[in-house]
Amino acid sequence: MPFVPVETPKCPACGKSVYAAEERVAGGYKFHKTCFKCSMCNKALDSTNCTEHEKELFCKNCHGRKYGPKGYGFGGGAGCLSMDSGAHLNRE
């Protein structure tokens, strides 16, 4: 019977194997400590301020700007109304 190594999970950010000593978990995926940062602003994340969306990590602020509600009625008046359409956030 041939030796079959244990399959290690792959980091969604870089695609390399993640071992137990260097893993951080978010949204059911395992990331490296160095890959556990916001994909828009590169801010270092921890378990209290990270949000996962389709295998991408975001800080709560960037996630709200990219995927949150837009337009009038979500800010409570003209003082909070943002004219930001989010066009600069579509990084492909």
N, C-alpha and C. Protein backbone atom coordinates (compact mmCIF):
# COMPACT_ATOMS: atom_id res chain seq x y z
N MET A 1 0.83 -1.17 0.00
CA MET A 1 0.00 0.00 0.00
C MET A 1 0.88 1.24 0.00
N PRO A 2 0.75 2.12 -1.01
CA PRO A 2 1.62 3.30 -1.11
C PRO A 2 1.25 4.36 -0.07
N PHE A 3 2.25 5.17 0.28
CA PHE A 3 2.04 6.26 1.22
C PHE A 3 1.33 7.41 0.51
N VAL A 4 0.25 7.90 1.11
CA VAL A 4 -0.49 9.03 0.57
C VAL A 4 -0.44 10.15 1.61
N PRO A 5 0.17 11.29 1.29
CA PRO A 5 0.26 12.38 2.27
C PRO A 5 -1.11 13.00 2.54
N VAL A 6 -1.25 13.59 3.70
CA VAL A 6 -2.49 14.25 4.09
C VAL A 6 -2.64 15.52 3.25
N GLU A 7 -3.82 15.73 2.73
CA GLU A 7 -4.09 16.90 1.90
C GLU A 7 -4.27 18.13 2.80
N THR A 8 -3.46 19.15 2.60
CA THR A 8 -3.57 20.37 3.40
C THR A 8 -4.47 21.37 2.66
N PRO A 9 -5.22 22.18 3.40
CA PRO A 9 -6.08 23.18 2.74
C PRO A 9 -5.25 24.26 2.06
N LYS A 10 -5.81 24.83 1.01
CA LYS A 10 -5.12 25.87 0.24
C LYS A 10 -5.67 27.25 0.63
N CYS A 11 -4.78 28.20 0.71
CA CYS A 11 -5.16 29.58 1.01
C CYS A 11 -5.86 30.18 -0.22
N PRO A 12 -7.07 30.74 -0.07
CA PRO A 12 -7.75 31.35 -1.22
C PRO A 12 -7.03 32.57 -1.78
N ALA A 13 -6.24 33.24 -0.97
CA ALA A 13 -5.55 34.46 -1.42
C ALA A 13 -4.35 34.15 -2.30
N CYS A 14 -3.53 33.16 -1.90
CA CYS A 14 -2.30 32.90 -2.66
C CYS A 14 -2.27 31.51 -3.30
N GLY A 15 -3.15 30.60 -2.88
CA GLY A 15 -3.21 29.28 -3.48
C GLY A 15 -2.21 28.28 -2.94
N LYS A 16 -1.44 28.65 -1.92
CA LYS A 16 -0.45 27.74 -1.35
C LYS A 16 -1.05 27.01 -0.15
N SER A 17 -0.40 25.94 0.28
CA SER A 17 -0.87 25.14 1.41
C SER A 17 -0.78 25.93 2.71
N VAL A 18 -1.78 25.74 3.55
CA VAL A 18 -1.83 26.39 4.85
C VAL A 18 -1.66 25.33 5.92
N TYR A 19 -0.67 25.52 6.79
CA TYR A 19 -0.41 24.58 7.88
C TYR A 19 -0.95 25.16 9.18
N ALA A 20 -1.15 24.31 10.17
CA ALA A 20 -1.83 24.69 11.40
C ALA A 20 -1.13 25.83 12.14
N ALA A 21 0.18 25.92 12.07
CA ALA A 21 0.91 26.96 12.81
C ALA A 21 0.71 28.35 12.21
N GLU A 22 0.29 28.45 10.97
CA GLU A 22 0.18 29.75 10.31
C GLU A 22 -1.22 30.07 9.82
N GLU A 23 -2.24 29.40 10.31
CA GLU A 23 -3.58 29.59 9.75
C GLU A 23 -4.41 30.59 10.53
N ARG A 24 -5.25 31.28 9.78
CA ARG A 24 -6.30 32.14 10.31
C ARG A 24 -7.56 31.74 9.55
N VAL A 25 -8.67 31.62 10.24
CA VAL A 25 -9.91 31.13 9.64
C VAL A 25 -10.92 32.27 9.53
N ALA A 26 -11.53 32.41 8.36
CA ALA A 26 -12.60 33.38 8.14
C ALA A 26 -13.54 32.82 7.09
N GLY A 27 -14.81 32.78 7.40
CA GLY A 27 -15.80 32.32 6.43
C GLY A 27 -15.65 30.86 6.04
N GLY A 28 -15.04 30.06 6.90
CA GLY A 28 -14.84 28.65 6.60
C GLY A 28 -13.61 28.35 5.78
N TYR A 29 -12.85 29.38 5.42
CA TYR A 29 -11.62 29.21 4.65
C TYR A 29 -10.42 29.46 5.55
N LYS A 30 -9.31 28.82 5.26
CA LYS A 30 -8.09 28.99 6.03
C LYS A 30 -7.11 29.83 5.23
N PHE A 31 -6.61 30.91 5.85
CA PHE A 31 -5.69 31.84 5.23
C PHE A 31 -4.36 31.81 5.98
N HIS A 32 -3.27 32.22 5.31
CA HIS A 32 -2.00 32.44 5.99
C HIS A 32 -2.13 33.71 6.83
N LYS A 33 -1.29 33.85 7.84
CA LYS A 33 -1.28 35.07 8.64
C LYS A 33 -0.93 36.28 7.78
N THR A 34 -0.02 36.10 6.83
CA THR A 34 0.39 37.22 5.98
C THR A 34 -0.66 37.55 4.91
N CYS A 35 -1.51 36.61 4.57
CA CYS A 35 -2.57 36.83 3.57
C CYS A 35 -3.86 37.34 4.21
N PHE A 36 -3.91 37.39 5.54
CA PHE A 36 -5.11 37.76 6.26
C PHE A 36 -5.18 39.28 6.38
N LYS A 37 -5.45 39.94 5.23
CA LYS A 37 -5.53 41.40 5.17
C LYS A 37 -6.61 41.80 4.19
N CYS A 38 -7.06 43.02 4.30
CA CYS A 38 -8.13 43.53 3.44
C CYS A 38 -7.64 43.56 1.99
N SER A 39 -8.47 43.07 1.08
CA SER A 39 -8.06 43.02 -0.32
C SER A 39 -8.13 44.38 -1.01
N MET A 40 -8.75 45.39 -0.36
CA MET A 40 -8.80 46.72 -0.95
C MET A 40 -7.76 47.67 -0.36
N CYS A 41 -7.70 47.74 0.96
CA CYS A 41 -6.80 48.72 1.59
C CYS A 41 -5.57 48.09 2.23
N ASN A 42 -5.44 46.77 2.18
CA ASN A 42 -4.31 46.02 2.73
C ASN A 42 -4.13 46.20 4.23
N LYS A 43 -5.19 46.55 4.93
CA LYS A 43 -5.14 46.69 6.38
C LYS A 43 -5.09 45.30 7.01
N ALA A 44 -4.24 45.12 8.02
CA ALA A 44 -4.17 43.84 8.71
C ALA A 44 -5.48 43.59 9.46
N LEU A 45 -5.98 42.37 9.37
CA LEU A 45 -7.27 42.04 9.96
C LEU A 45 -7.10 41.10 11.14
N ASP A 46 -8.13 41.03 11.97
CA ASP A 46 -8.23 40.01 12.99
C ASP A 46 -9.66 39.49 12.98
N SER A 47 -9.99 38.62 13.91
CA SER A 47 -11.30 37.97 13.87
C SER A 47 -12.45 38.93 14.16
N THR A 48 -12.19 40.10 14.74
CA THR A 48 -13.27 41.02 15.07
C THR A 48 -13.60 42.01 13.97
N ASN A 49 -12.70 42.24 13.03
CA ASN A 49 -12.97 43.25 12.01
C ASN A 49 -12.89 42.72 10.58
N CYS A 50 -12.95 41.41 10.39
CA CYS A 50 -12.85 40.88 9.03
C CYS A 50 -14.22 40.43 8.52
N THR A 51 -14.39 40.56 7.21
CA THR A 51 -15.60 40.11 6.53
C THR A 51 -15.15 39.40 5.27
N GLU A 52 -15.70 38.23 5.02
CA GLU A 52 -15.33 37.43 3.85
C GLU A 52 -16.46 37.51 2.84
N HIS A 53 -16.12 37.74 1.58
CA HIS A 53 -17.11 37.77 0.49
C HIS A 53 -16.50 37.08 -0.72
N GLU A 54 -17.03 35.91 -1.07
CA GLU A 54 -16.56 35.13 -2.21
C GLU A 54 -15.05 34.91 -2.18
N LYS A 55 -14.56 34.38 -1.07
CA LYS A 55 -13.15 34.04 -0.84
C LYS A 55 -12.23 35.26 -0.82
N GLU A 56 -12.75 36.45 -0.67
CA GLU A 56 -11.95 37.66 -0.53
C GLU A 56 -12.20 38.23 0.86
N LEU A 57 -11.16 38.74 1.49
CA LEU A 57 -11.28 39.35 2.81
C LEU A 57 -11.35 40.86 2.69
N PHE A 58 -12.20 41.46 3.53
CA PHE A 58 -12.35 42.90 3.58
C PHE A 58 -12.44 43.33 5.03
N CYS A 59 -11.99 44.55 5.33
CA CYS A 59 -12.30 45.13 6.63
C CYS A 59 -13.76 45.57 6.56
N LYS A 60 -14.36 45.81 7.68
CA LYS A 60 -15.80 46.14 7.69
C LYS A 60 -16.09 47.43 6.93
N ASN A 61 -15.18 48.38 6.97
CA ASN A 61 -15.38 49.64 6.27
C ASN A 61 -15.37 49.45 4.75
N CYS A 62 -14.37 48.74 4.23
CA CYS A 62 -14.28 48.51 2.78
C CYS A 62 -15.41 47.62 2.28
N HIS A 63 -15.81 46.63 3.07
CA HIS A 63 -16.92 45.76 2.66
C HIS A 63 -18.21 46.56 2.55
N GLY A 64 -18.44 47.46 3.49
CA GLY A 64 -19.63 48.31 3.43
C GLY A 64 -19.61 49.24 2.25
N ARG A 65 -18.43 49.78 1.91
CA ARG A 65 -18.32 50.68 0.77
C ARG A 65 -18.53 49.95 -0.54
N LYS A 66 -18.08 48.70 -0.64
CA LYS A 66 -18.17 47.97 -1.91
C LYS A 66 -19.50 47.24 -2.07
N TYR A 67 -20.01 46.62 -1.01
CA TYR A 67 -21.20 45.79 -1.13
C TYR A 67 -22.40 46.30 -0.34
N GLY A 68 -22.24 47.39 0.39
CA GLY A 68 -23.33 47.91 1.20
C GLY A 68 -24.35 48.67 0.37
N PRO A 69 -25.43 49.10 1.02
CA PRO A 69 -26.46 49.85 0.30
C PRO A 69 -25.95 51.22 -0.12
N LYS A 70 -26.43 51.70 -1.25
CA LYS A 70 -26.02 52.97 -1.80
C LYS A 70 -27.26 53.83 -2.04
N GLY A 71 -27.07 55.14 -2.00
CA GLY A 71 -28.14 56.05 -2.37
C GLY A 71 -28.79 56.73 -1.19
N TYR A 72 -29.81 57.49 -1.48
CA TYR A 72 -30.51 58.27 -0.47
C TYR A 72 -31.36 57.36 0.41
N GLY A 73 -31.42 57.67 1.69
CA GLY A 73 -32.26 56.91 2.60
C GLY A 73 -31.47 55.99 3.50
N PHE A 74 -30.22 55.73 3.22
CA PHE A 74 -29.41 54.84 4.04
C PHE A 74 -28.50 55.60 4.99
N GLY A 75 -28.42 56.93 4.84
CA GLY A 75 -27.55 57.70 5.71
C GLY A 75 -28.30 58.56 6.70
N GLY A 76 -29.57 58.72 6.52
CA GLY A 76 -30.35 59.51 7.45
C GLY A 76 -30.44 60.97 7.09
N GLY A 77 -30.16 61.35 5.88
CA GLY A 77 -30.28 62.75 5.47
C GLY A 77 -29.13 63.19 4.60
N ALA A 78 -29.18 64.47 4.22
CA ALA A 78 -28.19 64.99 3.30
C ALA A 78 -26.80 65.07 3.93
N GLY A 79 -26.73 65.15 5.25
CA GLY A 79 -25.43 65.20 5.91
C GLY A 79 -24.65 63.92 5.76
N CYS A 80 -25.33 62.81 5.58
CA CYS A 80 -24.68 61.51 5.47
C CYS A 80 -24.75 60.95 4.06
N LEU A 81 -25.38 61.65 3.15
CA LEU A 81 -25.53 61.16 1.79
C LEU A 81 -24.18 61.16 1.09
N SER A 82 -23.80 60.04 0.56
CA SER A 82 -22.53 59.91 -0.14
C SER A 82 -22.78 59.91 -1.63
N MET A 83 -22.04 60.71 -2.35
CA MET A 83 -22.15 60.75 -3.80
C MET A 83 -21.19 59.77 -4.44
N ASP A 84 -20.55 58.96 -3.63
CA ASP A 84 -19.61 57.95 -4.11
C ASP A 84 -20.38 56.83 -4.80
N SER A 85 -20.16 56.64 -6.10
CA SER A 85 -20.86 55.59 -6.84
C SER A 85 -20.18 54.24 -6.70
N GLY A 86 -18.95 54.21 -6.19
CA GLY A 86 -18.23 52.96 -6.01
C GLY A 86 -17.49 52.50 -7.26
N ALA A 87 -17.39 53.36 -8.28
CA ALA A 87 -16.73 52.97 -9.52
C ALA A 87 -15.25 52.65 -9.30
N HIS A 88 -14.61 53.34 -8.36
CA HIS A 88 -13.19 53.09 -8.11
C HIS A 88 -12.96 51.81 -7.32
N LEU A 89 -14.02 51.18 -6.84
CA LEU A 89 -13.89 49.96 -6.05
C LEU A 89 -13.93 48.70 -6.89
N ASN A 90 -14.27 48.80 -8.15
CA ASN A 90 -14.34 47.62 -9.02
C ASN A 90 -12.96 47.28 -9.54
N ARG A 91 -12.17 46.68 -8.68
CA ARG A 91 -10.83 46.27 -9.06
C ARG A 91 -10.90 44.88 -9.64
N GLU A 92 -10.55 44.73 -10.88
CA GLU A 92 -10.60 43.42 -11.55
C GLU A 92 -9.24 42.86 -11.70
